[in-house]
């Protein structure tokens, strides 16, 4: 039987068959040793072939094969640094929820997420959430950040998932597509899904006042069919985003504003660090490229985590 994975708990997978029925499926152990270095060889969004188990209950199955993926998005596994975690597969676009505070979303996290989306050829849209809660000064900062990323080539939308502001714009972007929604815990992912489809009534939680961090309400990645011809994949909140499987020579190509200027560099294999007549560094000096983006680039190039600071390159 053919189906699509709608939920992954790590040991069981909820699969929707072509005729619309849902089955609880598992995988055989050999799946884990077939050259797949991921902590989760089967991901939400995967198209799979499965057999029904020999039992009186026909709602259980065994996944026999993962069909070829159009794309997928991965990050480093939290506890096993040499392994990767596939967040979702076969998606048309990803929405990254960004909040200025409550909790804060740093540009280093945004940039790492965007680089990964570029590397796996997935269109990314930034949603600046909770704009109904910001002061005039904070709104100015949000507008500055949105302009920074628009200049880098990304679509940015200011929304209030709680109040419903610009949710219709997000719905319009989603129609006819499979979208993934991601961001830190507490940025409003489940609230946005509820605003898009109130009947789902996903569980939400307030941000911790003591630590300014969100609380996990989504435990596992799960896909939902929406009433307006769309699918959405809700994912657990993530603290950090480790990039994987990237050669140093290609990282600059995943920064659209760098890639656009690369052809004007003196050397075709310019790494935009110490080379002379580098168009990226010239654009940086002319404030055509954001320094925060360049710092993120250097940080990824040096293989450091998100908390690392490259002081020698500070403007």
Protein backbone atom coordinates (compact mmCIF):
# COMPACT_ATOMS: atom_id res chain seq x y z
CA UNK A 1 0.00 0.00 0.00
CA UNK A 2 1.10 3.57 -0.69
CA UNK A 3 0.77 6.37 1.86
CA UNK A 4 2.18 9.56 3.32
CA UNK A 5 3.63 9.94 6.82
CA UNK A 6 1.58 12.43 8.86
CA UNK A 7 3.13 11.95 12.30
CA UNK A 8 6.38 10.56 13.66
CA UNK A 9 6.94 9.64 17.29
CA UNK A 10 10.30 8.01 16.65
CA UNK A 11 8.99 4.48 16.99
CA UNK A 12 5.52 4.68 15.42
CA UNK A 13 4.43 6.53 12.31
CA UNK A 14 0.91 7.62 11.42
CA UNK A 15 0.49 7.01 7.70
CA UNK A 16 -2.40 8.22 5.55
CA UNK A 17 -3.09 5.76 2.75
CA UNK A 18 -4.12 6.88 -0.72
CA UNK A 19 -7.79 6.11 0.00
CA UNK A 20 -7.69 8.42 3.05
CA UNK A 21 -7.52 5.90 5.90
CA UNK A 22 -4.89 6.33 8.64
CA UNK A 23 -2.67 3.46 9.81
CA UNK A 24 -0.26 3.15 12.71
CA UNK A 25 2.97 1.87 11.21
CA UNK A 26 6.38 0.82 12.43
CA UNK A 27 9.64 0.15 10.64
CA UNK A 28 11.86 -2.88 10.65
CA UNK A 29 15.23 -2.60 12.40
CA UNK A 30 17.27 -3.02 9.23
CA UNK A 31 16.02 0.41 8.07
CA UNK A 32 18.40 1.99 10.57
CA UNK A 33 21.56 0.44 9.11
CA UNK A 34 21.07 1.05 5.41
CA UNK A 35 23.50 3.95 5.25
CA UNK A 36 21.04 6.38 6.82
CA UNK A 37 22.88 8.42 9.46
CA UNK A 38 19.74 10.17 10.61
CA UNK A 39 18.19 9.61 14.03
CA UNK A 40 14.86 9.29 12.22
CA UNK A 41 15.10 7.48 8.86
CA UNK A 42 11.39 8.06 8.22
CA UNK A 43 10.15 11.66 8.43
CA UNK A 44 6.82 13.47 8.30
CA UNK A 45 6.00 14.13 4.66
CA UNK A 46 7.68 10.96 3.39
CA UNK A 47 5.81 8.93 0.81
CA UNK A 48 6.09 5.28 1.82
CA UNK A 49 5.08 1.78 0.83
CA UNK A 50 3.73 -0.32 3.69
CA UNK A 51 2.13 -3.70 4.33
CA UNK A 52 -0.69 -4.38 6.75
CA UNK A 53 0.29 -6.49 9.74
CA UNK A 54 -1.14 -9.98 10.05
CA UNK A 55 -3.60 -9.39 12.84
CA UNK A 56 -7.30 -9.01 13.46
CA UNK A 57 -6.82 -5.23 13.65
CA UNK A 58 -6.17 -3.93 10.16
CA UNK A 59 -5.13 -0.45 11.34
CA UNK A 60 -1.49 -1.46 11.86
CA UNK A 61 1.22 -1.72 9.25
CA UNK A 62 4.94 -2.10 8.58
CA UNK A 63 6.77 0.43 6.39
CA UNK A 64 8.74 -1.44 3.73
CA UNK A 65 10.15 1.38 1.63
CA UNK A 66 10.61 5.16 1.59
CA UNK A 67 9.97 6.56 -1.87
CA UNK A 68 12.42 9.05 -3.35
CA UNK A 69 12.13 12.48 -1.73
CA UNK A 70 11.68 15.71 -3.68
CA UNK A 71 13.51 17.45 -0.84
CA UNK A 72 13.95 17.43 2.92
CA UNK A 73 15.29 19.73 5.61
CA UNK A 74 17.69 18.55 8.28
CA UNK A 75 19.73 19.81 11.22
CA UNK A 76 22.27 18.33 13.62
CA UNK A 77 20.80 15.99 16.16
CA UNK A 78 20.69 17.59 19.62
CA UNK A 79 22.37 14.77 21.55
CA UNK A 80 24.27 12.96 18.81
CA UNK A 81 26.41 15.56 17.07
CA UNK A 82 27.57 13.21 14.31
CA UNK A 83 24.04 12.34 13.34
CA UNK A 84 21.37 14.38 11.65
CA UNK A 85 17.68 14.81 12.29
CA UNK A 86 15.33 15.07 9.33
CA UNK A 87 12.70 17.64 10.30
CA UNK A 88 10.36 17.03 7.35
CA UNK A 89 10.34 15.87 3.74
CA UNK A 90 8.61 16.76 0.47
CA UNK A 91 7.67 20.31 1.43
CA UNK A 92 6.98 23.25 -0.86
CA UNK A 93 7.91 26.01 1.57
CA UNK A 94 8.82 26.71 5.16
CA UNK A 95 7.63 29.50 7.43
CA UNK A 96 10.06 30.55 10.16
CA UNK A 97 8.35 32.33 13.03
CA UNK A 98 10.46 35.15 14.44
CA UNK A 99 9.78 37.07 17.67
CA UNK A 100 11.77 40.07 18.83
CA UNK A 101 11.38 39.04 22.46
CA UNK A 102 9.19 36.73 24.48
CA UNK A 103 11.20 34.70 23.37
CA UNK A 104 14.01 36.42 21.42
CA UNK A 105 14.99 35.05 18.01
CA UNK A 106 18.61 35.90 17.21
CA UNK A 107 19.84 36.60 13.69
CA UNK A 108 22.38 33.76 14.01
CA UNK A 109 19.52 31.29 14.36
CA UNK A 110 17.56 32.86 11.49
CA UNK A 111 20.59 32.78 9.20
CA UNK A 112 21.41 29.14 9.95
CA UNK A 113 17.84 28.15 9.25
CA UNK A 114 17.77 30.10 5.99
CA UNK A 115 21.10 28.64 4.85
CA UNK A 116 19.77 25.13 5.41
CA UNK A 117 16.56 25.91 3.50
CA UNK A 118 18.65 27.27 0.60
CA UNK A 119 20.90 24.20 0.64
CA UNK A 120 17.91 21.87 0.33
CA UNK A 121 16.13 24.08 -2.22
CA UNK A 122 13.15 24.99 -0.05
CA UNK A 123 11.53 28.41 -0.27
CA UNK A 124 11.61 30.17 3.13
CA UNK A 125 9.32 32.96 4.33
CA UNK A 126 9.90 34.87 7.58
CA UNK A 127 6.86 35.58 9.74
CA UNK A 128 7.48 38.27 12.36
CA UNK A 129 4.90 37.29 14.95
CA UNK A 130 3.36 39.07 17.96
CA UNK A 131 3.48 42.53 16.33
CA UNK A 132 0.43 43.45 18.40
CA UNK A 133 2.56 43.27 21.59
CA UNK A 134 5.45 45.56 20.62
CA UNK A 135 6.16 49.15 21.60
CA UNK A 136 6.85 51.80 18.95
CA UNK A 137 10.60 51.30 19.44
CA UNK A 138 10.28 47.52 19.16
CA UNK A 139 8.15 47.80 16.04
CA UNK A 140 10.89 49.95 14.51
CA UNK A 141 13.39 47.18 15.27
CA UNK A 142 11.11 44.58 13.68
CA UNK A 143 10.80 46.74 10.56
CA UNK A 144 14.60 47.10 10.46
CA UNK A 145 15.06 43.31 10.66
CA UNK A 146 12.39 42.69 8.03
CA UNK A 147 14.06 45.17 5.68
CA UNK A 148 17.43 43.51 6.32
CA UNK A 149 16.07 40.13 5.20
CA UNK A 150 14.08 41.57 2.31
CA UNK A 151 17.34 43.07 1.04
CA UNK A 152 18.85 39.59 1.27
CA UNK A 153 16.04 38.28 -0.94
CA UNK A 154 13.49 36.89 1.52
CA UNK A 155 9.79 37.54 1.85
CA UNK A 156 8.86 38.89 5.28
CA UNK A 157 5.36 39.27 6.72
CA UNK A 158 4.44 40.90 10.03
CA UNK A 159 1.66 38.95 11.73
CA UNK A 160 -0.24 38.52 14.96
CA UNK A 161 -1.35 34.88 15.16
CA UNK A 162 -3.28 35.68 18.34
CA UNK A 163 -5.19 38.65 16.89
CA UNK A 164 -5.43 37.25 13.37
CA UNK A 165 -3.52 40.10 11.72
CA UNK A 166 -2.25 39.11 8.24
CA UNK A 167 -3.16 35.47 8.83
CA UNK A 168 -5.11 35.69 5.56
CA UNK A 169 -1.86 36.54 3.75
CA UNK A 170 -0.23 33.43 5.20
CA UNK A 171 -3.27 31.36 4.19
CA UNK A 172 -3.00 32.69 0.65
CA UNK A 173 0.67 31.64 0.50
CA UNK A 174 -0.20 28.16 1.75
CA UNK A 175 -3.09 27.31 -0.57
CA UNK A 176 -2.33 24.32 -2.76
CA UNK A 177 0.98 23.61 -1.01
CA UNK A 178 2.60 21.59 1.77
CA UNK A 179 4.18 24.02 4.23
CA UNK A 180 6.32 23.51 7.31
CA UNK A 181 6.23 25.87 10.26
CA UNK A 182 9.26 26.22 12.51
CA UNK A 183 10.85 28.43 15.16
CA UNK A 184 11.78 28.52 18.82
CA UNK A 185 9.32 27.25 21.42
CA UNK A 186 6.95 30.08 22.33
CA UNK A 187 7.08 31.96 19.03
CA UNK A 188 3.46 31.03 18.32
CA UNK A 189 3.58 28.12 15.89
CA UNK A 190 0.61 26.24 17.32
CA UNK A 191 -1.30 29.52 17.81
CA UNK A 192 -0.79 30.29 14.12
CA UNK A 193 -1.99 26.83 13.07
CA UNK A 194 -5.10 27.33 15.23
CA UNK A 195 -5.69 30.73 13.62
CA UNK A 196 -5.43 29.13 10.17
CA UNK A 197 -7.67 26.21 11.12
CA UNK A 198 -9.55 26.82 14.41
CA UNK A 199 -11.10 23.34 14.36
CA UNK A 200 -7.70 21.77 15.09
CA UNK A 201 -7.51 23.34 18.57
CA UNK A 202 -3.79 22.62 19.02
CA UNK A 203 -2.46 22.95 22.54
CA UNK A 204 -0.59 26.21 23.31
CA UNK A 205 1.35 27.47 26.33
CA UNK A 206 2.59 30.80 27.62
CA UNK A 207 6.24 31.79 27.45
CA UNK A 208 8.07 31.34 30.76
CA UNK A 209 8.37 34.76 32.40
CA UNK A 210 11.41 33.64 34.40
CA UNK A 211 13.52 32.48 31.48
CA UNK A 212 11.86 34.22 28.52
CA UNK A 213 11.70 30.88 26.73
CA UNK A 214 8.79 29.05 25.24
CA UNK A 215 7.43 25.80 26.56
CA UNK A 216 7.15 22.81 24.26
CA UNK A 217 3.54 22.15 23.28
CA UNK A 218 4.29 20.20 20.10
CA UNK A 219 6.18 17.03 21.05
CA UNK A 220 6.42 15.43 17.62
CA UNK A 221 6.32 16.72 14.06
CA UNK A 222 2.82 16.32 12.67
CA UNK A 223 1.12 17.17 9.39
CA UNK A 224 -2.46 18.39 9.14
CA UNK A 225 -4.83 18.62 6.18
CA UNK A 226 -6.41 22.06 6.13
CA UNK A 227 -9.84 22.99 4.81
CA UNK A 228 -8.49 25.42 2.20
CA UNK A 229 -6.54 22.90 0.07
CA UNK A 230 -3.30 23.00 2.04
CA UNK A 231 -1.16 20.88 4.33
CA UNK A 232 0.87 22.20 7.23
CA UNK A 233 3.60 20.47 9.21
CA UNK A 234 3.78 21.67 12.81
CA UNK A 235 7.19 20.98 14.37
CA UNK A 236 8.53 20.98 17.95
CA UNK A 237 10.25 24.20 19.00
CA UNK A 238 13.99 24.15 18.42
CA UNK A 239 16.63 25.96 20.48
CA UNK A 240 19.50 25.80 18.01
CA UNK A 241 20.05 24.97 14.38
CA UNK A 242 23.23 23.10 13.50
CA UNK A 243 24.03 23.06 9.80
CA UNK A 244 25.29 19.82 8.30
CA UNK A 245 26.72 18.32 5.13
CA UNK A 246 28.03 21.59 3.69
CA UNK A 247 31.44 22.16 2.11
CA UNK A 248 33.13 25.44 3.00
CA UNK A 249 33.28 26.37 -0.68
CA UNK A 250 29.50 26.20 -1.08
CA UNK A 251 28.29 27.94 2.09
CA UNK A 252 28.49 31.41 0.50
CA UNK A 253 26.21 30.23 -2.29
CA UNK A 254 23.44 29.71 0.29
CA UNK A 255 23.47 33.42 1.15
CA UNK A 256 21.51 34.82 -1.84
CA UNK A 257 23.04 38.30 -1.57
CA UNK A 258 26.55 36.75 -1.57
CA UNK A 259 25.80 34.45 -4.49
CA UNK A 260 24.43 37.37 -6.51
CA UNK A 261 27.75 39.23 -6.18
CA UNK A 262 30.09 36.24 -6.46
CA UNK A 263 30.50 36.65 -10.22
CA UNK A 264 32.11 40.05 -9.61
CA UNK A 265 34.81 38.66 -7.28
CA UNK A 266 38.33 38.50 -8.73
CA UNK A 267 38.57 34.78 -7.98
CA UNK A 268 35.82 32.40 -9.04
CA UNK A 269 36.40 30.32 -5.89
CA UNK A 270 36.45 33.34 -3.56
CA UNK A 271 35.54 32.52 0.04
CA UNK A 272 34.88 36.21 0.84
CA UNK A 273 37.27 36.24 3.79
CA UNK A 274 40.85 37.28 2.95
CA UNK A 275 40.84 37.35 -0.85
CA UNK A 276 41.55 40.66 -2.64
CA UNK A 277 38.94 42.38 -4.82
CA UNK A 278 36.06 40.51 -3.22
CA UNK A 279 32.69 41.89 -4.31
CA UNK A 280 31.00 40.61 -1.14
CA UNK A 281 33.41 42.43 1.16
CA UNK A 282 33.10 45.57 -0.94
CA UNK A 283 29.31 45.39 -0.62
CA UNK A 284 29.76 44.85 3.11
CA UNK A 285 31.86 48.00 3.44
CA UNK A 286 29.25 49.93 1.43
CA UNK A 287 26.47 48.71 3.77
CA UNK A 288 24.82 46.81 0.92
CA UNK A 289 25.13 43.56 2.90
CA UNK A 290 24.23 43.33 6.59
CA UNK A 291 27.11 42.80 9.00
CA UNK A 292 24.99 40.37 11.00
CA UNK A 293 24.66 38.18 7.92
CA UNK A 294 28.40 38.28 7.29
CA UNK A 295 29.14 37.37 10.92
CA UNK A 296 26.78 34.40 10.63
CA UNK A 297 28.59 33.36 7.46
CA UNK A 298 32.00 33.46 9.18
CA UNK A 299 30.62 31.56 12.13
CA UNK A 300 29.27 28.77 9.92
CA UNK A 301 32.52 28.74 7.90
CA UNK A 302 34.51 28.20 11.09
CA UNK A 303 32.20 25.40 12.17
CA UNK A 304 31.22 27.13 15.40
CA UNK A 305 27.90 26.90 17.17
CA UNK A 306 25.36 29.71 17.46
CA UNK A 307 26.75 31.08 20.73
CA UNK A 308 30.17 31.78 19.25
CA UNK A 309 31.13 35.41 18.68
CA UNK A 310 33.74 36.46 16.13
CA UNK A 311 35.00 39.63 17.81
CA UNK A 312 37.76 40.35 15.32
CA UNK A 313 35.19 40.88 12.60
CA UNK A 314 32.94 43.21 14.57
CA UNK A 315 32.36 46.48 12.79
